[in-house]
C-alpha atoms as a PDB file:
ATOM      1  CA  MET A   1      68.830 124.231  65.501  1.00  0.00           C
ATOM      2  CA  ARG A   2      66.389 121.893  63.237  1.00  0.00           C
ATOM      3  CA  ALA A   3      67.093 118.276  63.228  1.00  0.00           C
ATOM      4  CA  VAL A   4      65.981 115.567  61.710  1.00  0.00           C
ATOM      5  CA  ILE A   5      66.581 111.890  63.707  1.00  0.00           C
ATOM      6  CA  VAL A   6      66.063 108.810  61.610  1.00  0.00           C
ATOM      7  CA  GLY A   7      65.417 105.310  63.780  1.00  0.00           C
ATOM      8  CA  GLY A   8      63.534 105.071  67.336  1.00  0.00           C
ATOM      9  CA  GLY A   9      65.107 102.198  68.606  1.00  0.00           C
ATOM     10  CA  LYS A  10      67.468 102.923  71.991  1.00  0.00           C
ATOM     11  CA  VAL A  11      69.882 105.623  70.033  1.00  0.00           C
ATOM     12  CA  GLY A  12      67.496 107.576  68.636  1.00  0.00           C
ATOM     13  CA  TYR A  13      65.251 107.226  71.741  1.00  0.00           C
ATOM     14  CA  TYR A  14      68.093 109.239  74.017  1.00  0.00           C
ATOM     15  CA  LEU A  15      69.070 111.114  71.361  1.00  0.00           C
ATOM     16  CA  VAL A  16      65.877 112.782  70.562  1.00  0.00           C
ATOM     17  CA  LYS A  17      65.268 113.037  74.429  1.00  0.00           C
ATOM     18  CA  ALA A  18      69.227 115.183  74.766  1.00  0.00           C
ATOM     19  CA  LEU A  19      68.084 117.280  72.102  1.00  0.00           C
ATOM     20  CA  LYS A  20      64.639 118.170  73.026  1.00  0.00           C
ATOM     21  CA  GLU A  21      65.993 118.634  77.025  1.00  0.00           C
ATOM     22  CA  LYS A  22      68.775 120.988  75.469  1.00  0.00           C
ATOM     23  CA  LYS A  23      66.278 122.512  73.757  1.00  0.00           C
ATOM     24  CA  HIS A  24      66.431 121.515  69.547  1.00  0.00           C
ATOM     25  CA  GLN A  25      63.995 121.448  67.338  1.00  0.00           C
ATOM     26  CA  VAL A  26      64.137 117.770  66.366  1.00  0.00           C
ATOM     27  CA  VAL A  27      62.008 115.636  63.798  1.00  0.00           C
ATOM     28  CA  LEU A  28      61.848 111.394  64.370  1.00  0.00           C
ATOM     29  CA  ILE A  29      61.300 109.487  62.063  1.00  0.00           C
ATOM     30  CA  GLU A  30      60.339 105.423  62.905  1.00  0.00           C
ATOM     31  CA  LYS A  31      59.162 102.825  60.816  1.00  0.00           C
ATOM     32  CA  ASP A  32      57.641 100.982  63.285  1.00  0.00           C
ATOM     33  CA  ILE A  33      53.769 102.854  64.315  1.00  0.00           C
ATOM     34  CA  ASP A  34      53.778 100.900  68.369  1.00  0.00           C
ATOM     35  CA  ILE A  35      57.255 103.002  69.127  1.00  0.00           C
ATOM     36  CA  CYS A  36      56.560 105.838  67.299  1.00  0.00           C
ATOM     37  CA  GLN A  37      53.584 106.715  69.837  1.00  0.00           C
ATOM     38  CA  LYS A  38      56.106 105.232  73.168  1.00  0.00           C
ATOM     39  CA  ILE A  39      58.311 108.360  71.691  1.00  0.00           C
ATOM     40  CA  ALA A  40      55.570 110.475  71.225  1.00  0.00           C
ATOM     41  CA  GLU A  41      53.611 110.379  74.440  1.00  0.00           C
ATOM     42  CA  GLU A  42      57.861 109.719  76.709  1.00  0.00           C
ATOM     43  CA  ILE A  43      58.561 112.555  75.077  1.00  0.00           C
ATOM     44  CA  GLN A  44      56.218 114.776  73.107  1.00  0.00           C
ATOM     45  CA  VAL A  45      58.276 115.278  70.093  1.00  0.00           C
ATOM     46  CA  ASP A  46      57.351 115.212  66.257  1.00  0.00           C
ATOM     47  CA  VAL A  47      57.503 111.855  65.123  1.00  0.00           C
ATOM     48  CA  ILE A  48      57.019 110.930  61.655  1.00  0.00           C
ATOM     49  CA  CYS A  49      55.988 107.092  60.791  1.00  0.00           C
ATOM     50  CA  GLY A  50      57.510 106.087  58.108  1.00  0.00           C
ATOM     51  CA  ASP A  51      60.304 104.699  56.196  1.00  0.00           C
ATOM     52  CA  GLY A  52      63.350 107.369  56.325  1.00  0.00           C
ATOM     53  CA  SER A  53      64.736 106.180  53.221  1.00  0.00           C
ATOM     54  CA  ASP A  54      61.410 107.971  51.400  1.00  0.00           C
ATOM     55  CA  VAL A  55      61.818 111.311  49.639  1.00  0.00           C
ATOM     56  CA  GLU A  56      58.635 112.045  50.745  1.00  0.00           C
ATOM     57  CA  VAL A  57      58.290 111.245  54.480  1.00  0.00           C
ATOM     58  CA  LEU A  58      61.666 112.839  55.080  1.00  0.00           C
ATOM     59  CA  LYS A  59      59.421 116.248  53.443  1.00  0.00           C
ATOM     60  CA  ASP A  60      56.845 114.945  55.690  1.00  0.00           C
ATOM     61  CA  ALA A  61      59.417 115.139  57.976  1.00  0.00           C
ATOM     62  CA  GLY A  62      60.290 119.386  57.295  1.00  0.00           C
ATOM     63  CA  ILE A  63      64.287 117.646  55.895  1.00  0.00           C
ATOM     64  CA  GLU A  64      64.153 121.195  53.858  1.00  0.00           C
ATOM     65  CA  GLU A  65      64.660 123.266  56.961  1.00  0.00           C
ATOM     66  CA  ALA A  66      66.819 120.745  59.152  1.00  0.00           C
ATOM     67  CA  GLU A  67      70.624 122.094  59.424  1.00  0.00           C
ATOM     68  CA  VAL A  68      71.534 117.998  60.244  1.00  0.00           C
ATOM     69  CA  VAL A  69      69.990 114.930  59.673  1.00  0.00           C
ATOM     70  CA  ALA A  70      71.639 111.783  62.271  1.00  0.00           C
ATOM     71  CA  ALA A  71      70.687 107.957  60.434  1.00  0.00           C
ATOM     72  CA  VAL A  72      71.065 106.123  64.113  1.00  0.00           C
ATOM     73  CA  THR A  73      68.925 103.044  62.130  1.00  0.00           C
ATOM     74  CA  GLY A  74      69.958  99.541  63.121  1.00  0.00           C
ATOM     75  CA  LYS A  75      71.099  99.038  60.172  1.00  0.00           C
ATOM     76  CA  ASP A  76      74.331 100.452  58.379  1.00  0.00           C
ATOM     77  CA  GLU A  77      73.389 100.233  54.624  1.00  0.00           C
ATOM     78  CA  GLU A  78      69.956 102.029  55.583  1.00  0.00           C
ATOM     79  CA  ASN A  79      71.703 105.086  56.958  1.00  0.00           C
ATOM     80  CA  LEU A  80      74.125 105.077  54.343  1.00  0.00           C
ATOM     81  CA  VAL A  81      70.790 105.715  51.920  1.00  0.00           C
ATOM     82  CA  ILE A  82      69.022 108.371  53.970  1.00  0.00           C
ATOM     83  CA  CYS A  83      72.338 110.196  54.523  1.00  0.00           C
ATOM     84  CA  GLN A  84      73.672 110.112  51.150  1.00  0.00           C
ATOM     85  CA  MET A  85      69.521 111.181  50.619  1.00  0.00           C
ATOM     86  CA  ALA A  86      70.445 113.840  52.634  1.00  0.00           C
ATOM     87  CA  LYS A  87      73.407 115.125  50.870  1.00  0.00           C
ATOM     88  CA  VAL A  88      72.322 115.120  47.346  1.00  0.00           C
ATOM     89  CA  ASN A  89      68.099 115.027  47.136  1.00  0.00           C
ATOM     90  CA  PHE A  90      68.370 117.791  50.359  1.00  0.00           C
ATOM     91  CA  ASN A  91      71.657 119.378  50.085  1.00  0.00           C
ATOM     92  CA  ILE A  92      71.739 119.120  53.845  1.00  0.00           C
ATOM     93  CA  ASN A  93      75.401 120.866  55.159  1.00  0.00           C
ATOM     94  CA  GLU A  94      75.820 117.846  58.386  1.00  0.00           C
ATOM     95  CA  THR A  95      74.630 114.616  57.636  1.00  0.00           C
ATOM     96  CA  ILE A  96      75.531 111.634  60.796  1.00  0.00           C
ATOM     97  CA  ALA A  97      75.518 108.255  60.767  1.00  0.00           C
ATOM     98  CA  ARG A  98      75.220 105.783  63.258  1.00  0.00           C
ATOM     99  CA  ILE A  99      77.662 102.540  62.266  1.00  0.00           C
ATOM    100  CA  ASN A 100      77.308  99.623  64.141  1.00  0.00           C
ATOM    101  CA  ASN A 101      80.135  97.797  62.136  1.00  0.00           C
ATOM    102  CA  PRO A 102      83.141  99.716  62.393  1.00  0.00           C
ATOM    103  CA  LYS A 103      84.939  98.589  59.373  1.00  0.00           C
ATOM    104  CA  ASN A 104      82.177 100.316  57.149  1.00  0.00           C
ATOM    105  CA  THR A 105      83.590 103.590  58.662  1.00  0.00           C
ATOM    106  CA  ALA A 106      85.832 104.253  55.428  1.00  0.00           C
ATOM    107  CA  ILE A 107      83.164 103.550  53.145  1.00  0.00           C
ATOM    108  CA  PHE A 108      81.145 106.138  54.287  1.00  0.00           C
ATOM    109  CA  LYS A 109      83.315 108.722  54.431  1.00  0.00           C
ATOM    110  CA  ALA A 110      84.132 107.714  50.849  1.00  0.00           C
ATOM    111  CA  LEU A 111      80.329 108.051  49.861  1.00  0.00           C
ATOM    112  CA  GLY A 112      79.963 111.313  51.723  1.00  0.00           C
ATOM    113  CA  VAL A 113      79.131 111.301  54.567  1.00  0.00           C
ATOM    114  CA  ASP A 114      80.520 114.071  57.143  1.00  0.00           C
ATOM    115  CA  LYS A 115      80.662 112.637  60.436  1.00  0.00           C
ATOM    116  CA  THR A 116      80.264 108.305  61.781  1.00  0.00           C
ATOM    117  CA  VAL A 117      80.000 107.547  65.288  1.00  0.00           C
ATOM    118  CA  CYS A 118      78.590 104.960  67.617  1.00  0.00           C
ATOM    119  CA  SER A 119      77.994 106.718  70.400  1.00  0.00           C
ATOM    120  CA  THR A 120      74.429 107.961  71.340  1.00  0.00           C
ATOM    121  CA  GLN A 121      76.224 110.413  73.462  1.00  0.00           C
ATOM    122  CA  VAL A 122      79.295 111.732  70.604  1.00  0.00           C
ATOM    123  CA  ILE A 123      76.152 112.308  68.280  1.00  0.00           C
ATOM    124  CA  CYS A 124      74.629 114.832  70.783  1.00  0.00           C
ATOM    125  CA  ASN A 125      77.607 116.289  70.979  1.00  0.00           C
ATOM    126  CA  LEU A 126      78.367 116.675  67.616  1.00  0.00           C
ATOM    127  CA  ILE A 127      75.239 118.190  67.075  1.00  0.00           C
ATOM    128  CA  GLU A 128      75.375 120.352  69.938  1.00  0.00           C
ATOM    129  CA  GLY A 129      78.816 121.636  68.844  1.00  0.00           C
ATOM    130  CA  GLU A 130      78.068 122.718  64.929  1.00  0.00           C
ATOM    131  CA  PHE A 131      75.610 125.233  66.673  1.00  0.00           C
ATOM    132  CA  ASN A 132      77.617 126.326  68.926  1.00  0.00           C
ATOM    133  CA  SER A 133      79.324 129.470  69.239  1.00  0.00           C
ATOM    134  CA  GLU A 134      81.857 128.745  72.197  1.00  0.00           C
ATOM    135  CA  PRO A 135      85.330 128.005  71.811  1.00  0.00           C
ATOM    136  CA  LEU A 136      85.316 124.617  72.450  1.00  0.00           C
ATOM    137  CA  LYS A 137      83.471 121.693  71.074  1.00  0.00           C
ATOM    138  CA  VAL A 138      83.200 118.900  73.553  1.00  0.00           C
ATOM    139  CA  ILE A 139      83.305 115.408  71.659  1.00  0.00           C
ATOM    140  CA  GLU A 140      83.372 113.442  73.746  1.00  0.00           C
ATOM    141  CA  SER A 141      83.542 112.341  77.923  1.00  0.00           C
ATOM    142  CA  ILE A 142      86.065 110.375  79.392  1.00  0.00           C
ATOM    143  CA  ASN A 143      86.446 108.879  82.752  1.00  0.00           C
ATOM    144  CA  ARG A 144      82.523 108.692  83.897  1.00  0.00           C
ATOM    145  CA  GLY A 145      82.959 112.767  82.908  1.00  0.00           C
ATOM    146  CA  GLU A 146      85.951 113.998  84.981  1.00  0.00           C
ATOM    147  CA  MET A 147      88.302 114.371  81.579  1.00  0.00           C
ATOM    148  CA  ILE A 148      86.540 115.439  77.803  1.00  0.00           C
ATOM    149  CA  LEU A 149      88.184 115.820  74.846  1.00  0.00           C
ATOM    150  CA  VAL A 150      87.147 118.939  72.967  1.00  0.00           C
ATOM    151  CA  GLU A 151      88.196 120.791  69.794  1.00  0.00           C
ATOM    152  CA  ALA A 152      88.509 124.063  69.294  1.00  0.00           C
ATOM    153  CA  LYS A 153      88.442 124.928  65.879  1.00  0.00           C
ATOM    154  CA  ILE A 154      91.350 128.154  65.202  1.00  0.00           C
ATOM    155  CA  ASP A 155      90.289 131.366  63.975  1.00  0.00           C
ATOM    156  CA  LYS A 156      92.092 134.643  62.247  1.00  0.00           C
ATOM    157  CA  ASP A 157      91.370 136.047  65.612  1.00  0.00           C
ATOM    158  CA  SER A 158      92.285 133.480  68.235  1.00  0.00           C
ATOM    159  CA  ALA A 159      94.962 133.824  70.544  1.00  0.00           C
ATOM    160  CA  TRP A 160      96.475 130.437  69.280  1.00  0.00           C
ATOM    161  CA  LYS A 161      97.023 131.640  65.960  1.00  0.00           C
ATOM    162  CA  ASP A 162     100.732 131.307  65.024  1.00  0.00           C
ATOM    163  CA  LYS A 163     102.120 130.065  68.134  1.00  0.00           C
ATOM    164  CA  SER A 164     104.123 127.093  68.744  1.00  0.00           C
ATOM    165  CA  ILE A 165     102.916 124.719  71.657  1.00  0.00           C
ATOM    166  CA  GLU A 166     105.752 125.187  74.029  1.00  0.00           C
ATOM    167  CA  LYS A 167     104.626 128.967  74.126  1.00  0.00           C
ATOM    168  CA  LEU A 168     100.624 128.667  74.515  1.00  0.00           C
ATOM    169  CA  LYS A 169      99.475 129.314  77.965  1.00  0.00           C
ATOM    170  CA  LEU A 170      97.394 125.965  79.048  1.00  0.00           C
ATOM    171  CA  PRO A 171      96.557 124.390  82.511  1.00  0.00           C
ATOM    172  CA  LYS A 172      98.830 121.700  83.494  1.00  0.00           C
ATOM    173  CA  GLU A 173      95.451 119.004  83.191  1.00  0.00           C
ATOM    174  CA  CYS A 174      95.621 119.670  79.106  1.00  0.00           C
ATOM    175  CA  LEU A 175      96.946 117.887  76.847  1.00  0.00           C
ATOM    176  CA  ILE A 176      96.759 118.258  73.235  1.00  0.00           C
ATOM    177  CA  ILE A 177      96.903 115.005  70.973  1.00  0.00           C
ATOM    178  CA  SER A 178      96.392 116.037  67.242  1.00  0.00           C
ATOM    179  CA  ILE A 179      96.315 118.951  64.918  1.00  0.00           C
ATOM    180  CA  ILE A 180      93.667 118.479  62.005  1.00  0.00           C
ATOM    181  CA  ARG A 181      95.217 120.520  59.103  1.00  0.00           C
ATOM    182  CA  SER A 182      93.589 120.001  55.781  1.00  0.00           C
ATOM    183  CA  GLU A 183      91.609 116.915  56.562  1.00  0.00           C
ATOM    184  CA  LYS A 184      95.584 115.427  57.686  1.00  0.00           C
ATOM    185  CA  VAL A 185      96.015 114.760  61.238  1.00  0.00           C
ATOM    186  CA  ILE A 186      99.547 116.082  62.769  1.00  0.00           C
ATOM    187  CA  PHE A 187     100.589 114.619  66.091  1.00  0.00           C
ATOM    188  CA  PRO A 188     102.324 117.288  66.932  1.00  0.00           C
ATOM    189  CA  ARG A 189     105.224 118.212  69.542  1.00  0.00           C
ATOM    190  CA  GLY A 190     106.277 121.297  71.274  1.00  0.00           C
ATOM    191  CA  GLY A 191     107.500 123.466  68.525  1.00  0.00           C
ATOM    192  CA  GLU A 192     104.644 122.820  66.123  1.00  0.00           C
ATOM    193  CA  ASP A 193     103.271 126.231  64.520  1.00  0.00           C
ATOM    194  CA  ILE A 194      99.199 126.274  65.135  1.00  0.00           C
ATOM    195  CA  LYS A 195      97.102 128.187  62.050  1.00  0.00           C
ATOM    196  CA  GLU A 196      94.180 129.504  61.341  1.00  0.00           C
ATOM    197  CA  GLY A 197      91.781 126.817  60.537  1.00  0.00           C
ATOM    198  CA  ASP A 198      93.155 124.088  62.863  1.00  0.00           C
ATOM    199  CA  LYS A 199      90.957 121.714  64.856  1.00  0.00           C
ATOM    200  CA  VAL A 200      92.561 120.885  67.956  1.00  0.00           C
ATOM    201  CA  LEU A 201      92.264 118.498  70.222  1.00  0.00           C
ATOM    202  CA  ILE A 202      92.720 118.481  73.336  1.00  0.00           C
ATOM    203  CA  ILE A 203      92.100 116.476  76.671  1.00  0.00           C
ATOM    204  CA  THR A 204      91.644 118.209  79.521  1.00  0.00           C
ATOM    205  CA  ASN A 205      90.185 118.170  83.374  1.00  0.00           C
ATOM    206  CA  THR A 206      86.149 118.705  82.916  1.00  0.00           C
ATOM    207  CA  ASP A 207      86.943 121.422  85.726  1.00  0.00           C
ATOM    208  CA  ARG A 208      89.128 123.524  83.054  1.00  0.00           C
ATOM    209  CA  LYS A 209      87.710 123.999  80.084  1.00  0.00           C
ATOM    210  CA  LYS A 210      86.758 127.454  80.937  1.00  0.00           C
ATOM    211  CA  ASP A 211      90.129 128.085  81.291  1.00  0.00           C
ATOM    212  CA  VAL A 212      91.004 126.378  78.516  1.00  0.00           C
ATOM    213  CA  GLU A 213      88.601 128.166  76.683  1.00  0.00           C
ATOM    214  CA  LYS A 214      90.240 131.778  77.760  1.00  0.00           C
ATOM    215  CA  SER A 215      93.365 130.704  76.460  1.00  0.00           C
ATOM    216  CA  ILE A 216      92.349 129.504  73.053  1.00  0.00           C
ATOM    217  CA  ILE A 217      90.511 133.964  73.098  1.00  0.00           C
ATOM    218  CA  GLY A 218      93.078 135.369  74.847  1.00  0.00           C
ATOM    219  CA  GLY A 219      91.430 136.362  78.298  1.00  0.00           C
END
């Protein structure tokens, strides 16, 4: 998977490092030449020194081959512009923006940014999850990693399809907290049926993740 990350501050640094460790192809764009040199030496990643809102700089970074663009600078307005350019100019499928002011979340969504997040780990998990063939996508770790928030996308072959929540075989340490259906959030009761195309958000103990996956695929 190829990702372009814009912004080499603390968030960008640790995000690039995490993705490199997972063997993804990553290119970083950063304005400050000193930061560029430091990151290139420490992480051995391709770094483009320039303005991430400049079309030519984005092209130099190989954005036309990228599957994900994450704008993680310290300025919300820059992150918005970069994500919009990635969508409009380069038709990038997945754009992720770091937001520093939570009040901007609705604006970013309205203007076409696919995902808005604050945490480095959440951004990393989102990027990983887009190209992960496993039944569950980890969204965030909770309580120092003892629990995780995961998303299950229900397809036509899922064992959960057309079943009510109360009939699912789930570990005791597992809780379905919401269902996203056609961009609407449903807070389910036991009798709620799960449909094809639903995204089911679940909190579970980390060591029971495999059990939840088996339940979803019918193993």
